[in-house]
Amino acid sequence: MQASAILVIDDRIAPFTASDSDLAYKGRTTGGRGPIASTEIFGESLLDRTVKRLRNAGIESVSVVAGPGVGPNLPKLRASFRRIVTERSYERWPTAQQEVIRQSAQGVRTVLMIGVNAYVEWDVRHFLDFHRSTGVPLTQLHNAQGPLDLWAVESEWFGTAAIGCTLPFRYGEFPGLPVPCPIDGYVNRLASAGDLRRLVQDGFLCRCEVRPGGGEIKPGIWVEDGALVHRLARLVAPVYLGSWTNIGASAVVTRFSNIEHHSNVGDGTIVDASSVLPFTELASGLEISRSVVEGNTLVDVRRNLALCIRDPKLIRDTAPVTRWGAPSREAGRENGTLGFACSSFFYRAAGRLSEVLFGD
């Protein structure tokens, strides 16, 4: 298969038409966390899953154009692709354009150009066969909701007729191009925290190929190596606990919740129908429901509202900063757990956090 792939991680804050919560969720890179492509769900990131799909289809040459913070989050795939770092987000697609030209000079005929910002279940070989059968130089993947940031391009055409074009490709620049290739597989555009929660639920319910990692210690309860669960904690299926998580005494994790790696749930805290993303620590006595929590940012999915909690006695970001300026999945637990030696009044107040902030 004479084809390669170039993956572009674009972490710019896009102009959203939705409320500020979407902006807070998609724009969280300003706080030092990685883009959506490197956020792990069930122990594996969107970029991990995309590269794995390409590898399984026989695409051996994979280049990733990203910012300096993406590499440390990909220990399983670090050695298997060419990583091109650009400090500025607006340089990513032009850099990808130069990579296509470089690969064309090496004899690569067809290049898959992918903006890694949505979870898409697609048949790579079928897409390439469709592209080549049309005899056109540019094809784009579509589903029922519209085009996806995934193209097949002929490198020779790109290096001549398409020089100076806008990237990512836009309709109207070239008459009749790109040609749409329809798919009916599972697609989640991950445009909001609600979309992320839907992906988690669909994974638990086997509606997509995303599956919890680790071992299923009881029906519907998946636990990765290194996770610690207090004997008085309660897990109600389906739930997922990532590696090196810590669930405190009398804590309850329930109803389609996932606690990702190096995260802690304090004593007596309830996590219900929520996602706690890597390196996030929840204090004791909290009640987190139908939310996505990352570091010190909480997004309430029901109300489409994001809050940045400044008080580290409630929730906090425990991600160690690497030399790349982003948290590393391989980092230890040097920061330890929060020492919540607080009064009973604090515990009562913290326990009603959701009611005070989001009460109906």
Protein backbone atom coordinates (compact mmCIF):
# COMPACT_ATOMS: atom_id res chain seq x y z
CA MET A 1 0.00 0.00 0.00
CA GLN A 2 1.82 3.10 -1.24
CA ALA A 3 0.28 5.49 1.24
CA SER A 4 1.20 7.43 4.36
CA ALA A 5 -0.64 9.50 6.95
CA ILE A 6 -0.09 12.96 8.42
CA LEU A 7 -1.96 13.74 11.63
CA VAL A 8 -2.40 17.37 12.66
CA ILE A 9 -3.07 18.34 16.29
CA ASP A 10 -4.57 21.82 16.16
CA ASP A 11 -5.12 23.20 19.67
CA ARG A 12 -6.33 26.68 18.80
CA ILE A 13 -9.39 28.02 20.61
CA ALA A 14 -12.04 27.95 17.89
CA PRO A 15 -14.88 30.51 17.60
CA PHE A 16 -17.73 28.58 19.17
CA THR A 17 -21.38 29.41 18.68
CA ALA A 18 -22.31 27.51 21.83
CA SER A 19 -22.03 28.77 25.39
CA ASP A 20 -18.90 29.52 27.35
CA SER A 21 -18.70 25.97 28.68
CA ASP A 22 -17.70 24.65 25.28
CA LEU A 23 -15.04 27.32 25.09
CA ALA A 24 -13.76 26.35 28.53
CA TYR A 25 -13.67 22.69 27.57
CA LYS A 26 -12.06 22.96 24.12
CA GLY A 27 -9.76 25.81 25.13
CA ARG A 28 -8.29 24.16 28.16
CA THR A 29 -4.83 24.07 26.58
CA THR A 30 -4.33 27.60 27.88
CA GLY A 31 -4.11 26.03 31.34
CA GLY A 32 -1.21 23.81 30.38
CA ARG A 33 -3.17 20.60 29.59
CA GLY A 34 -2.94 18.91 26.22
CA PRO A 35 -5.47 19.18 23.38
CA ILE A 36 -8.47 16.89 22.99
CA ALA A 37 -6.38 14.54 20.85
CA SER A 38 -4.19 13.60 23.85
CA THR A 39 -6.96 13.31 26.44
CA GLU A 40 -7.24 9.71 27.54
CA ILE A 41 -10.58 7.90 27.76
CA PHE A 42 -10.47 4.35 29.14
CA GLY A 43 -6.70 4.62 29.28
CA GLU A 44 -6.15 5.49 25.61
CA SER A 45 -6.10 8.82 23.81
CA LEU A 46 -7.81 9.78 20.57
CA LEU A 47 -4.38 10.04 18.93
CA ASP A 48 -3.43 6.58 20.21
CA ARG A 49 -6.60 5.12 18.72
CA THR A 50 -6.13 6.90 15.39
CA VAL A 51 -2.54 5.70 14.98
CA LYS A 52 -3.56 2.17 15.93
CA ARG A 53 -6.30 2.15 13.27
CA LEU A 54 -3.81 3.29 10.63
CA ARG A 55 -1.27 0.66 11.69
CA ASN A 56 -3.88 -2.09 11.54
CA ALA A 57 -4.65 -1.04 7.95
CA GLY A 58 -1.01 -1.32 6.94
CA ILE A 59 -0.09 2.38 7.02
CA GLU A 60 3.48 2.27 8.31
CA SER A 61 4.53 5.85 7.63
CA VAL A 62 2.76 8.11 10.13
CA SER A 63 3.76 11.71 10.87
CA VAL A 64 2.26 13.78 13.68
CA VAL A 65 2.38 17.57 13.53
CA ALA A 66 1.73 18.90 17.03
CA GLY A 67 2.73 21.30 19.75
CA PRO A 68 5.51 20.56 22.25
CA GLY A 69 3.10 19.17 24.85
CA VAL A 70 1.73 16.21 22.92
CA GLY A 71 4.65 13.77 22.82
CA PRO A 72 4.95 12.90 26.53
CA ASN A 73 1.30 11.80 26.60
CA LEU A 74 1.94 9.02 24.10
CA PRO A 75 4.36 6.54 25.68
CA LYS A 76 2.91 3.53 23.86
CA LEU A 77 3.38 5.05 20.41
CA ARG A 78 6.28 7.42 20.92
CA ALA A 79 8.74 5.42 18.84
CA SER A 80 6.35 4.47 16.06
CA PHE A 81 5.83 7.74 14.25
CA ARG A 82 7.61 10.85 13.05
CA ARG A 83 6.82 13.74 15.40
CA ILE A 84 7.08 17.29 14.03
CA VAL A 85 6.87 20.02 16.66
CA THR A 86 5.63 23.54 16.00
CA GLU A 87 5.33 26.03 18.82
CA ARG A 88 2.46 27.97 17.24
CA SER A 89 -0.83 26.32 16.43
CA TYR A 90 -1.37 28.26 13.20
CA GLU A 91 1.85 26.74 11.82
CA ARG A 92 0.53 23.15 12.03
CA TRP A 93 -1.28 22.84 8.69
CA PRO A 94 1.39 24.70 6.66
CA THR A 95 3.93 22.35 8.23
CA ALA A 96 1.77 19.41 7.17
CA GLN A 97 1.78 20.82 3.63
CA GLN A 98 5.58 20.77 3.59
CA GLU A 99 5.53 17.21 4.92
CA VAL A 100 3.33 16.12 1.98
CA ILE A 101 5.84 17.62 -0.45
CA ARG A 102 8.71 15.90 1.36
CA GLN A 103 6.94 12.54 1.18
CA SER A 104 6.10 13.05 -2.48
CA ALA A 105 9.81 13.41 -3.20
CA GLN A 106 10.32 10.06 -1.45
CA GLY A 107 7.84 8.36 -3.77
CA VAL A 108 4.75 8.30 -1.56
CA ARG A 109 1.75 8.37 -3.86
CA THR A 110 -1.24 8.95 -1.57
CA VAL A 111 -1.29 10.79 1.73
CA LEU A 112 -4.04 10.68 4.34
CA MET A 113 -4.30 14.09 6.03
CA ILE A 114 -6.17 13.94 9.32
CA GLY A 115 -7.16 16.65 11.78
CA VAL A 116 -7.29 14.70 15.05
CA ASN A 117 -10.30 16.31 16.73
CA ALA A 118 -13.06 13.70 16.41
CA TYR A 119 -13.44 10.01 17.13
CA VAL A 120 -14.25 8.28 13.82
CA GLU A 121 -14.66 4.57 13.14
CA TRP A 122 -13.75 4.20 9.48
CA ASP A 123 -12.33 1.56 7.17
CA VAL A 124 -8.96 2.92 6.05
CA ARG A 125 -8.54 0.48 3.16
CA HIS A 126 -12.07 1.10 1.87
CA PHE A 127 -11.46 4.86 1.96
CA LEU A 128 -8.23 4.50 -0.04
CA ASP A 129 -9.89 2.17 -2.54
CA PHE A 130 -12.77 4.62 -2.98
CA HIS A 131 -10.34 7.51 -3.46
CA ARG A 132 -8.32 5.70 -6.12
CA SER A 133 -11.41 4.40 -7.93
CA THR A 134 -12.69 7.94 -8.52
CA GLY A 135 -9.51 9.02 -10.31
CA VAL A 136 -9.56 12.41 -8.55
CA PRO A 137 -6.68 13.89 -6.54
CA LEU A 138 -8.66 14.83 -3.42
CA THR A 139 -11.31 12.94 -1.43
CA GLN A 140 -12.90 13.76 1.92
CA LEU A 141 -14.67 11.54 4.43
CA HIS A 142 -18.32 12.42 5.18
CA ASN A 143 -20.97 11.15 7.53
CA ALA A 144 -24.64 12.08 7.85
CA GLN A 145 -23.77 15.27 9.77
CA GLY A 146 -21.35 16.55 7.14
CA PRO A 147 -17.63 16.54 6.24
CA LEU A 148 -14.91 15.34 8.59
CA ASP A 149 -11.33 16.59 8.80
CA LEU A 150 -10.00 13.56 6.96
CA TRP A 151 -8.74 13.67 3.38
CA ALA A 152 -6.93 11.45 0.89
CA VAL A 153 -4.72 13.50 -1.42
CA GLU A 154 -2.45 12.59 -4.33
CA SER A 155 0.95 13.95 -3.37
CA GLU A 156 2.09 14.73 -6.93
CA TRP A 157 -1.03 16.85 -7.58
CA PHE A 158 -0.64 18.51 -4.20
CA GLY A 159 2.97 19.43 -4.92
CA THR A 160 2.03 21.18 -8.18
CA ALA A 161 -1.57 22.33 -8.66
CA ALA A 162 -2.39 22.68 -4.95
CA ILE A 163 0.67 24.68 -3.89
CA GLY A 164 -0.50 27.67 -1.85
CA CYS A 165 -3.95 26.24 -1.12
CA THR A 166 -5.65 26.76 2.20
CA LEU A 167 -5.21 23.99 4.75
CA PRO A 168 -7.25 22.28 5.96
CA PHE A 169 -8.92 21.95 2.55
CA ARG A 170 -12.03 24.01 1.97
CA TYR A 171 -14.75 23.60 -0.63
CA GLY A 172 -14.56 26.02 -3.56
CA GLU A 173 -10.80 26.25 -3.94
CA PHE A 174 -10.72 23.54 -6.59
CA PRO A 175 -13.76 22.96 -8.85
CA GLY A 176 -15.48 19.69 -7.98
CA LEU A 177 -13.07 18.90 -5.15
CA PRO A 178 -12.88 17.32 -2.71
CA VAL A 179 -15.09 14.38 -3.69
CA PRO A 180 -17.09 13.14 -0.67
CA CYS A 181 -16.71 9.56 0.52
CA PRO A 182 -19.72 8.65 2.69
CA ILE A 183 -19.42 6.45 5.78
CA ASP A 184 -22.09 5.20 8.15
CA GLY A 185 -19.82 4.14 11.02
CA TYR A 186 -19.74 5.59 14.50
CA VAL A 187 -18.64 9.24 14.68
CA ASN A 188 -18.31 11.48 17.73
CA ARG A 189 -17.05 14.97 16.91
CA LEU A 190 -16.03 15.68 20.52
CA ALA A 191 -17.15 19.30 20.22
CA SER A 192 -18.24 19.56 23.86
CA ALA A 193 -18.01 17.94 27.26
CA GLY A 194 -21.39 16.34 26.56
CA ASP A 195 -19.90 14.61 23.50
CA LEU A 196 -17.08 13.24 25.61
CA ARG A 197 -19.58 11.85 28.12
CA ARG A 198 -21.57 10.29 25.28
CA LEU A 199 -18.43 8.54 24.02
CA VAL A 200 -17.83 7.09 27.49
CA GLN A 201 -21.41 5.85 27.77
CA ASP A 202 -21.38 4.40 24.26
CA GLY A 203 -18.16 2.57 25.11
CA PHE A 204 -19.67 1.02 28.22
CA LEU A 205 -22.78 0.01 26.23
CA CYS A 206 -20.74 -1.46 23.33
CA ARG A 207 -22.21 1.02 20.85
CA CYS A 208 -18.73 1.74 19.46
CA GLU A 209 -15.30 0.13 19.38
CA VAL A 210 -14.02 2.07 22.40
CA ARG A 211 -13.70 -0.34 25.32
CA PRO A 212 -12.50 0.06 28.91
CA GLY A 213 -8.95 -1.11 29.49
CA GLY A 214 -7.64 -3.13 32.39
CA GLY A 215 -9.23 -6.21 33.89
CA GLU A 216 -12.95 -6.67 34.52
CA ILE A 217 -12.72 -7.61 38.20
CA LYS A 218 -16.51 -7.83 38.50
CA PRO A 219 -19.24 -7.58 35.85
CA GLY A 220 -19.12 -4.02 34.51
CA ILE A 221 -16.20 -2.89 36.70
CA TRP A 222 -12.85 -2.41 34.94
CA VAL A 223 -9.70 -1.63 36.94
CA GLU A 224 -6.20 -0.94 35.59
CA ASP A 225 -2.95 -1.98 37.26
CA GLY A 226 -1.90 0.21 40.18
CA ALA A 227 -5.40 1.40 41.08
CA LEU A 228 -6.18 1.48 44.81
CA VAL A 229 -9.73 1.11 46.11
CA HIS A 230 -10.43 1.42 49.82
CA ARG A 231 -12.27 -1.57 51.26
CA LEU A 232 -15.11 0.74 52.35
CA ALA A 233 -15.47 2.39 48.92
CA ARG A 234 -18.34 1.41 46.65
CA LEU A 235 -18.18 0.84 42.91
CA VAL A 236 -21.50 0.51 41.06
CA ALA A 237 -21.24 -0.84 37.50
CA PRO A 238 -20.45 0.24 34.94
CA VAL A 239 -17.32 2.10 36.03
CA TYR A 240 -13.68 2.32 34.92
CA LEU A 241 -10.66 3.07 37.11
CA GLY A 242 -7.42 3.97 35.36
CA SER A 243 -3.89 3.13 36.44
CA TRP A 244 -2.66 4.65 39.70
CA THR A 245 -6.06 5.98 40.70
CA ASN A 246 -7.01 6.12 44.36
CA ILE A 247 -10.59 5.76 45.64
CA GLY A 248 -10.95 6.77 49.30
CA ALA A 249 -12.96 5.34 52.16
CA SER A 250 -16.76 5.51 51.78
CA ALA A 251 -16.38 7.06 48.31
CA VAL A 252 -18.93 6.02 45.68
CA VAL A 253 -18.17 5.79 41.95
CA THR A 254 -21.23 4.89 39.95
CA ARG A 255 -23.30 4.93 36.77
CA PHE A 256 -21.08 5.15 33.68
CA SER A 257 -18.27 7.02 35.45
CA ASN A 258 -14.61 6.82 34.42
CA ILE A 259 -11.73 7.86 36.66
CA GLU A 260 -8.64 8.22 34.47
CA HIS A 261 -5.04 7.57 35.44
CA HIS A 262 -3.32 9.30 38.38
CA SER A 263 -6.60 10.71 39.69
CA ASN A 264 -7.87 10.59 43.29
CA VAL A 265 -11.36 10.53 44.75
CA GLY A 266 -11.47 11.65 48.39
CA ASP A 267 -13.16 9.97 51.31
CA GLY A 268 -16.94 10.06 51.09
CA THR A 269 -16.99 11.74 47.67
CA ILE A 270 -19.68 10.65 45.20
CA VAL A 271 -18.86 10.53 41.48
CA ASP A 272 -22.03 9.88 39.51
CA ALA A 273 -22.27 9.68 35.70
CA SER A 274 -19.08 11.74 35.40
CA SER A 275 -15.62 11.70 33.84
CA VAL A 276 -12.59 12.55 35.96
CA LEU A 277 -9.71 13.12 33.56
CA PRO A 278 -6.04 12.33 34.29
CA PHE A 279 -4.18 13.99 37.17
CA THR A 280 -7.31 15.33 38.86
CA GLU A 281 -7.86 15.22 42.61
CA LEU A 282 -11.28 15.49 44.26
CA ALA A 283 -11.45 16.37 47.94
CA SER A 284 -13.44 14.50 50.56
CA GLY A 285 -17.20 14.86 50.88
CA LEU A 286 -17.92 16.20 47.39
CA GLU A 287 -20.79 15.27 45.09
CA ILE A 288 -19.91 15.30 41.38
CA SER A 289 -22.78 14.45 39.05
CA ARG A 290 -23.05 14.44 35.25
CA SER A 291 -19.87 16.41 34.81
CA VAL A 292 -16.42 16.34 33.30
CA VAL A 293 -13.62 17.33 35.66
CA GLU A 294 -10.09 18.06 34.50
CA GLY A 295 -7.60 19.56 36.88
CA ASN A 296 -9.39 22.40 38.62
CA THR A 297 -12.04 22.84 35.89
CA LEU A 298 -15.52 21.34 36.24
CA VAL A 299 -17.98 21.28 33.33
CA ASP A 300 -21.59 20.54 34.25
CA VAL A 301 -23.00 18.73 31.21
CA ARG A 302 -26.67 19.27 32.06
CA ARG A 303 -26.38 23.03 32.33
CA ASN A 304 -23.62 23.47 29.75
CA LEU A 305 -21.65 25.45 32.29
CA ALA A 306 -17.94 25.45 33.12
CA LEU A 307 -16.37 26.52 36.41
CA CYS A 308 -12.72 26.97 37.32
CA ILE A 309 -12.41 26.07 41.01
CA ARG A 310 -9.59 28.09 42.53
CA ASP A 311 -9.76 26.47 45.97
CA PRO A 312 -7.36 23.46 46.00
CA LYS A 313 -9.23 22.14 49.05
CA LEU A 314 -12.09 21.18 46.69
CA ILE A 315 -10.52 20.01 43.45
CA ARG A 316 -7.03 20.49 42.07
CA ASP A 317 -4.71 19.69 39.21
CA THR A 318 -1.90 17.33 40.22
CA ALA A 319 -0.23 17.01 36.82
CA PRO A 320 3.55 17.38 37.05
CA VAL A 321 4.96 19.73 34.43
CA THR A 322 7.53 18.10 32.16
CA ARG A 323 10.21 19.80 30.14
CA TRP A 324 7.66 19.91 27.30
CA GLY A 325 5.29 21.95 29.47
CA ALA A 326 2.62 19.25 29.67
CA PRO A 327 1.71 16.44 32.04
CA SER A 328 3.37 13.08 31.47
CA ARG A 329 1.41 9.87 31.80
CA GLU A 330 4.51 8.13 33.11
CA ALA A 331 4.94 10.53 35.99
CA GLY A 332 4.82 9.13 39.49
CA ARG A 333 2.72 10.28 42.36
CA GLU A 334 5.23 12.71 43.83
CA ASN A 335 2.55 15.25 44.65
CA GLY A 336 0.83 12.79 46.97
CA THR A 337 -2.75 13.22 48.05
CA LEU A 338 -4.40 16.22 49.56
CA GLY A 339 -4.20 16.50 53.31
CA PHE A 340 -7.80 17.37 54.05
CA ALA A 341 -7.63 17.78 57.82
CA CYS A 342 -10.60 20.15 57.79
CA SER A 343 -13.41 20.83 60.18
CA SER A 344 -16.74 19.02 60.01
CA PHE A 345 -18.28 22.24 58.75
CA PHE A 346 -16.00 22.21 55.72
CA TYR A 347 -16.96 18.62 54.91
CA ARG A 348 -20.67 19.44 55.10
CA ALA A 349 -20.18 22.47 52.88
CA ALA A 350 -18.01 20.60 50.37
CA GLY A 351 -20.46 17.74 50.27
CA ARG A 352 -23.15 20.04 48.95
CA LEU A 353 -20.94 21.68 46.31
CA SER A 354 -23.08 20.54 43.41
CA GLU A 355 -26.29 21.63 45.13
CA VAL A 356 -24.99 25.10 45.96
CA LEU A 357 -23.49 25.72 42.54
CA PHE A 358 -26.01 23.94 40.36
CA GLY A 359 -29.10 23.54 42.53
CA ASP A 360 -32.42 23.49 40.65
